[in-house]
N, C-alpha and C. Protein backbone atom coordinates (compact mmCIF):
# COMPACT_ATOMS: atom_id res chain seq x y z
N MET A 1 21.11 0.57 -1.12
CA MET A 1 20.24 0.80 -2.11
C MET A 1 18.78 -0.36 -2.09
N ILE A 2 17.94 0.28 -2.32
CA ILE A 2 16.58 -0.17 -2.61
C ILE A 2 16.87 -1.02 -4.18
N SER A 3 16.79 -2.39 -4.25
CA SER A 3 16.93 -2.53 -6.14
C SER A 3 15.63 -2.51 -6.42
N LYS A 4 16.36 -2.39 -8.34
CA LYS A 4 14.79 -1.81 -9.17
C LYS A 4 14.18 -3.34 -8.91
N PHE A 5 14.41 -3.76 -8.98
CA PHE A 5 13.46 -5.58 -8.96
C PHE A 5 12.42 -5.43 -7.59
N ARG A 6 13.33 -4.94 -6.38
CA ARG A 6 12.19 -5.10 -5.60
C ARG A 6 11.06 -3.82 -5.80
N MET A 7 11.39 -3.02 -6.08
CA MET A 7 10.33 -1.74 -6.02
C MET A 7 9.04 -1.92 -7.80
N LYS A 8 10.13 -2.68 -8.30
CA LYS A 8 8.97 -2.78 -9.68
C LYS A 8 8.05 -3.81 -9.07
N ILE A 9 8.22 -4.43 -8.57
CA ILE A 9 7.24 -6.06 -7.89
C ILE A 9 6.42 -5.45 -7.01
N ASP A 10 7.03 -4.65 -6.30
CA ASP A 10 6.19 -4.12 -5.49
C ASP A 10 4.80 -2.93 -6.25
N LEU A 11 5.10 -2.16 -7.04
CA LEU A 11 4.31 -1.11 -7.65
C LEU A 11 3.39 -2.43 -8.74
N LEU A 12 4.17 -3.28 -9.11
CA LEU A 12 2.99 -3.95 -9.60
C LEU A 12 2.40 -4.86 -8.70
N GLY A 13 2.32 -5.45 -7.92
CA GLY A 13 1.59 -6.16 -6.73
C GLY A 13 0.66 -5.48 -6.21
N GLN A 14 1.02 -3.88 -5.96
CA GLN A 14 0.10 -2.96 -5.56
C GLN A 14 -1.10 -2.19 -6.52
N ALA A 15 -0.63 -2.41 -7.89
CA ALA A 15 -1.26 -1.96 -9.03
C ALA A 15 -2.47 -2.89 -8.90
N VAL A 16 -1.99 -4.43 -9.11
CA VAL A 16 -3.09 -5.62 -9.29
C VAL A 16 -4.17 -5.21 -8.34
N LEU A 17 -3.75 -5.30 -7.25
CA LEU A 17 -4.49 -4.84 -5.87
C LEU A 17 -5.02 -4.01 -5.87
N ILE A 18 -5.08 -2.71 -6.50
CA ILE A 18 -5.91 -2.06 -6.11
C ILE A 18 -7.16 -1.72 -7.49
N VAL A 19 -6.23 -2.78 -8.82
CA VAL A 19 -7.62 -2.66 -9.40
C VAL A 19 -8.28 -3.79 -9.63
N ALA A 20 -8.39 -4.61 -9.27
CA ALA A 20 -8.89 -6.00 -8.11
C ALA A 20 -10.51 -4.91 -7.84
N ILE A 21 -9.50 -4.28 -6.45
CA ILE A 21 -10.71 -3.77 -5.79
C ILE A 21 -11.86 -3.08 -6.41
N ILE A 22 -10.83 -1.87 -7.14
CA ILE A 22 -11.67 -1.11 -8.22
C ILE A 22 -12.80 -2.03 -8.76
N LEU A 23 -12.44 -3.12 -9.38
CA LEU A 23 -13.18 -3.99 -10.64
C LEU A 23 -14.61 -4.86 -9.27
N LEU A 24 -13.95 -5.03 -8.69
CA LEU A 24 -14.61 -5.83 -7.25
C LEU A 24 -15.97 -4.91 -6.54
N ALA A 25 -15.35 -3.88 -6.41
CA ALA A 25 -16.21 -2.86 -6.51
C ALA A 25 -17.39 -2.40 -6.89
N CYS A 26 -17.20 -2.57 -8.60
CA CYS A 26 -17.79 -1.75 -9.56
C CYS A 26 -19.18 -2.88 -9.99
N PHE A 27 -17.85 -4.57 -9.79
CA PHE A 27 -18.83 -5.83 -10.14
C PHE A 27 -19.57 -6.81 -9.49
N ALA A 28 -19.04 -6.40 -8.02
CA ALA A 28 -19.44 -7.77 -7.41
C ALA A 28 -20.86 -7.15 -6.46
N THR A 29 -21.37 -8.63 -6.20
CA THR A 29 -22.99 -7.86 -5.95
C THR A 29 -22.32 -7.68 -4.10
N GLY A 30 -21.27 -8.40 -3.57
CA GLY A 30 -21.32 -8.05 -2.60
C GLY A 30 -20.17 -7.50 -1.88
N MET A 31 -20.32 -6.76 -0.69
CA MET A 31 -18.99 -6.83 0.04
C MET A 31 -17.86 -7.14 0.78
N ARG A 32 -17.98 -8.79 0.68
CA ARG A 32 -17.56 -9.96 1.04
C ARG A 32 -15.87 -9.76 0.73
N SER A 33 -15.91 -10.10 -0.50
CA SER A 33 -14.83 -10.23 -1.66
C SER A 33 -14.33 -8.98 -1.99
N THR A 34 -14.91 -7.33 -1.31
CA THR A 34 -13.87 -6.47 -1.59
C THR A 34 -13.15 -6.23 -0.63
N ASN A 35 -13.70 -6.62 0.93
CA ASN A 35 -13.40 -6.39 2.46
C ASN A 35 -12.10 -7.41 2.14
N THR A 36 -12.57 -8.43 1.18
CA THR A 36 -10.93 -9.25 1.58
C THR A 36 -10.13 -9.06 0.31
N MET A 37 -10.10 -8.61 -0.62
CA MET A 37 -9.25 -7.73 -1.34
C MET A 37 -8.23 -6.66 -0.52
N LEU A 38 -9.22 -5.93 -0.15
CA LEU A 38 -8.76 -4.20 0.88
C LEU A 38 -8.00 -5.16 2.24
N VAL A 39 -7.59 -6.57 2.78
CA VAL A 39 -7.34 -6.42 3.72
C VAL A 39 -6.06 -7.25 2.94
N VAL A 40 -6.23 -8.05 1.89
CA VAL A 40 -4.47 -8.58 1.22
C VAL A 40 -4.05 -7.09 0.79
N LEU A 41 -4.29 -6.22 0.46
CA LEU A 41 -3.55 -5.14 0.27
C LEU A 41 -3.29 -4.45 1.08
N GLY A 42 -3.98 -4.57 2.40
CA GLY A 42 -3.72 -3.62 3.55
C GLY A 42 -2.20 -4.81 4.09
N ILE A 43 -2.34 -5.77 3.86
CA ILE A 43 -1.16 -6.90 4.39
C ILE A 43 0.32 -6.53 3.57
N TRP A 44 0.27 -6.36 2.30
CA TRP A 44 0.71 -6.28 1.05
C TRP A 44 1.33 -4.53 1.57
N GLN A 45 0.80 -3.84 1.58
CA GLN A 45 1.74 -2.69 2.21
C GLN A 45 2.12 -2.35 3.11
N MET A 46 1.76 -3.37 4.70
CA MET A 46 2.00 -3.60 5.66
C MET A 46 3.68 -4.04 5.73
N ALA A 47 3.70 -5.16 4.79
CA ALA A 47 4.85 -6.03 5.03
C ALA A 47 5.70 -5.12 4.23
N SER A 48 5.57 -4.77 3.10
CA SER A 48 6.52 -3.75 1.86
C SER A 48 6.72 -2.34 3.17
N ALA A 49 5.88 -1.94 3.83
CA ALA A 49 6.30 -0.64 4.21
C ALA A 49 7.59 -1.21 5.30
N ILE A 50 7.27 -2.38 6.14
CA ILE A 50 7.86 -2.99 7.56
C ILE A 50 9.46 -3.19 6.88
N HIS A 51 8.98 -4.09 5.93
CA HIS A 51 10.51 -4.01 5.00
C HIS A 51 11.33 -3.66 5.22
N LEU A 52 10.87 -1.87 4.07
CA LEU A 52 11.90 -0.53 3.65
C LEU A 52 11.86 -0.50 4.91
N VAL A 53 11.37 -0.11 5.95
CA VAL A 53 11.77 0.58 7.22
C VAL A 53 13.20 0.11 7.98
N TYR A 54 12.59 -1.23 8.47
CA TYR A 54 13.59 -2.67 8.82
C TYR A 54 15.15 -2.70 8.28
N VAL A 55 14.91 -2.87 6.89
CA VAL A 55 16.38 -3.30 5.90
C VAL A 55 16.79 -2.25 5.41
N TYR A 56 16.38 -0.89 5.09
CA TYR A 56 16.47 0.27 4.26
C TYR A 56 16.58 1.27 5.06
N SER A 57 16.18 1.52 6.52
CA SER A 57 15.49 2.73 7.28
C SER A 57 15.18 3.68 6.99
N HIS A 58 14.07 3.30 6.06
CA HIS A 58 13.47 4.18 4.95
C HIS A 58 11.99 5.04 6.10
N ILE A 59 12.35 6.10 6.43
CA ILE A 59 11.97 6.72 7.31
C ILE A 59 10.43 7.79 6.94
N LYS A 60 10.05 7.20 5.72
CA LYS A 60 8.90 7.86 5.38
C LYS A 60 7.97 6.88 5.38
N ARG A 61 8.29 5.82 5.30
CA ARG A 61 7.43 4.17 5.26
C ARG A 61 6.99 3.95 6.74
N LEU A 62 7.81 4.52 7.87
CA LEU A 62 7.17 4.52 8.93
C LEU A 62 5.94 5.21 9.35
N ASN A 63 6.62 6.19 8.86
CA ASN A 63 5.12 7.20 9.05
C ASN A 63 3.45 6.04 8.24
N TYR A 64 3.79 5.64 7.41
CA TYR A 64 2.63 4.86 7.09
C TYR A 64 2.43 3.90 8.16
N VAL A 65 3.45 2.83 8.42
CA VAL A 65 3.29 2.08 8.95
C VAL A 65 2.55 2.62 10.55
N LYS A 66 2.87 3.47 11.27
CA LYS A 66 2.20 3.74 12.16
C LYS A 66 0.52 4.36 11.42
N THR A 67 0.24 5.33 10.81
CA THR A 67 -1.13 5.97 10.58
C THR A 67 -1.68 4.09 10.20
N ALA A 68 -0.84 3.50 9.65
CA ALA A 68 -1.77 2.32 8.68
C ALA A 68 -2.57 1.51 10.39
N ILE A 69 -1.44 1.51 11.41
CA ILE A 69 -1.81 1.13 12.58
C ILE A 69 -2.86 1.27 13.12
N VAL A 70 -2.81 2.89 13.32
CA VAL A 70 -4.14 3.37 14.12
C VAL A 70 -5.37 3.42 13.43
N LEU A 71 -5.11 3.10 11.83
CA LEU A 71 -6.69 2.70 11.31
C LEU A 71 -7.06 1.67 11.21
N ALA A 72 -5.91 0.78 11.46
CA ALA A 72 -6.66 -0.50 11.68
C ALA A 72 -7.06 -0.74 12.87
N VAL A 73 -6.72 -0.07 13.40
CA VAL A 73 -7.18 -0.36 15.43
C VAL A 73 -8.94 0.54 14.94
N SER A 74 -8.89 1.40 14.87
CA SER A 74 -10.30 2.28 14.99
C SER A 74 -11.56 1.74 13.82
N LEU A 75 -10.69 1.14 12.57
CA LEU A 75 -11.51 0.90 11.89
C LEU A 75 -13.16 0.44 12.14
N PRO A 76 -12.90 -0.43 13.13
CA PRO A 76 -14.22 -1.41 13.34
C PRO A 76 -15.30 -0.18 14.11
N LEU A 77 -14.80 0.70 14.60
CA LEU A 77 -15.11 1.57 15.16
C LEU A 77 -15.89 2.93 14.46
N TRP A 78 -15.41 3.48 13.54
CA TRP A 78 -15.74 3.98 12.58
C TRP A 78 -16.80 3.32 11.78
N LEU A 79 -16.67 2.39 11.79
CA LEU A 79 -17.64 1.00 10.38
C LEU A 79 -19.20 1.34 11.26
N ARG A 80 -19.02 1.12 12.48
CA ARG A 80 -19.61 1.10 13.44
C ARG A 80 -21.03 2.31 13.31
N PHE A 81 -20.24 3.17 13.44
CA PHE A 81 -20.75 4.61 13.93
C PHE A 81 -20.35 5.53 12.44
N VAL A 82 -20.11 5.41 11.74
CA VAL A 82 -20.23 6.37 10.56
C VAL A 82 -20.21 5.69 9.14
N GLY A 83 -20.39 3.81 9.32
CA GLY A 83 -20.76 3.04 7.90
C GLY A 83 -20.51 3.10 6.95
N GLU A 84 -20.39 3.31 6.27
CA GLU A 84 -19.51 2.90 4.65
C GLU A 84 -18.86 4.37 4.46
N LEU A 85 -18.74 4.92 4.89
CA LEU A 85 -18.01 6.21 4.52
C LEU A 85 -17.13 6.45 5.16
N ALA A 86 -16.85 5.27 6.44
CA ALA A 86 -15.32 4.65 7.07
C ALA A 86 -14.30 4.12 6.23
N TYR A 87 -14.47 3.86 4.69
CA TYR A 87 -13.41 3.60 3.80
C TYR A 87 -13.06 4.50 3.57
N PHE A 88 -13.33 5.71 3.64
CA PHE A 88 -12.58 6.60 2.64
C PHE A 88 -11.17 7.41 3.11
N PRO A 89 -11.05 7.18 4.55
CA PRO A 89 -9.80 7.08 5.20
C PRO A 89 -8.88 6.10 4.34
N VAL A 90 -9.56 4.90 4.43
CA VAL A 90 -8.88 3.26 4.31
C VAL A 90 -8.19 3.69 2.60
N ALA A 91 -9.05 4.15 1.77
CA ALA A 91 -8.90 4.56 0.47
C ALA A 91 -7.96 5.27 0.62
N GLY A 92 -7.96 6.48 1.00
CA GLY A 92 -6.94 8.02 1.52
C GLY A 92 -5.49 7.18 1.59
N VAL A 93 -5.59 6.47 2.75
CA VAL A 93 -4.26 5.89 3.24
C VAL A 93 -3.39 4.82 2.17
N VAL A 94 -4.53 4.12 1.38
CA VAL A 94 -3.69 2.69 0.47
C VAL A 94 -3.31 3.96 -0.39
N ILE A 95 -3.79 5.38 -1.17
CA ILE A 95 -3.53 6.02 -2.14
C ILE A 95 -2.08 6.49 -1.71
N TRP A 96 -2.41 7.16 -0.53
CA TRP A 96 -0.82 7.58 -0.59
C TRP A 96 0.40 6.75 -0.08
N TYR A 97 0.03 5.15 0.36
CA TYR A 97 1.23 4.26 0.07
C TYR A 97 1.91 4.06 -1.16
N PHE A 98 0.83 4.19 -2.06
CA PHE A 98 0.81 3.60 -3.66
C PHE A 98 1.90 5.40 -4.37
N TRP A 99 1.53 6.25 -3.83
CA TRP A 99 1.88 7.20 -4.48
C TRP A 99 3.40 7.34 -4.00
N GLN A 100 3.71 7.12 -2.90
CA GLN A 100 4.83 7.32 -2.17
C GLN A 100 5.83 5.90 -2.34
N THR A 101 5.04 4.83 -3.40
CA THR A 101 5.61 3.77 -3.98
C THR A 101 6.24 4.24 -5.78
N ILE A 102 5.35 4.66 -5.58
CA ILE A 102 5.73 5.17 -7.52
C ILE A 102 6.54 6.39 -7.71
N THR A 103 6.67 7.41 -6.28
CA THR A 103 7.73 7.68 -6.42
C THR A 103 8.92 7.50 -6.08
N ASP A 104 8.75 6.97 -5.33
CA ASP A 104 10.44 6.22 -4.75
C ASP A 104 10.95 5.34 -5.86
N THR A 105 9.69 4.57 -6.60
CA THR A 105 10.06 3.41 -7.93
C THR A 105 10.50 4.43 -9.25
N ILE A 106 10.74 5.54 -8.82
CA ILE A 106 10.85 7.05 -10.66
C ILE A 106 12.17 7.22 -9.80
N LYS A 107 12.40 6.97 -8.43
CA LYS A 107 14.36 8.03 -7.96
C LYS A 107 14.69 6.61 -7.78
N VAL A 108 14.89 5.54 -7.80
CA VAL A 108 15.32 4.30 -7.71
C VAL A 108 15.82 4.36 -9.25
N TYR A 109 14.97 4.37 -10.21
CA TYR A 109 15.23 4.65 -11.69
C TYR A 109 16.33 5.12 -11.99
N ASN A 110 15.82 6.50 -11.70
CA ASN A 110 16.53 7.44 -12.23
C ASN A 110 18.00 8.03 -11.69
N ARG A 111 18.47 7.44 -10.62
CA ARG A 111 19.73 7.02 -9.61
C ARG A 111 20.55 6.42 -10.79
N PRO A 112 21.77 6.88 -11.14
CA PRO A 112 22.81 6.41 -11.38
C PRO A 112 23.03 5.03 -11.34
N ARG A 113 23.48 4.06 -12.48
CA ARG A 113 23.79 2.82 -12.12
C ARG A 113 25.89 2.41 -11.43
N SER A 114 26.15 1.76 -10.85
CA SER A 114 27.09 1.88 -9.93
C SER A 114 27.78 0.41 -11.59
N PHE A 115 29.35 0.35 -11.18
CA PHE A 115 29.81 -0.75 -11.79
C PHE A 115 29.05 -2.14 -11.66
N TRP A 116 28.97 -2.36 -10.39
CA TRP A 116 28.12 -3.61 -9.51
C TRP A 116 26.60 -4.10 -10.22
N ASP A 117 25.75 -2.62 -10.62
CA ASP A 117 24.89 -2.99 -11.21
C ASP A 117 25.05 -3.22 -12.98
N LEU A 118 25.46 -3.31 -13.87
CA LEU A 118 25.72 -3.45 -15.31
C LEU A 118 25.71 -5.03 -15.52
């Protein structure tokens, strides 16, 4: 069973990185710092998804891993041909994974505790 602490850290880390990206996009002069934070968030989410798939056999996260790999490989082409609009699918995947983490955290916190968790 996934621990509450693991889900809490995952949710908190993603929330902090998403807020940092939003603030950088609004207030930073260049896109370099925003792209760097986006890469850090992608690495965080990918590591979290791979950990959940490998350790807990969480099949929903396997869909994210496949989608994120396809998106990461095709993003340079999208940036070249579409331009800045290529970030919308990236934002969609980031929000999708963040929403999955929120719903899974709620499920973990609502499950009954065993004697050993007390």
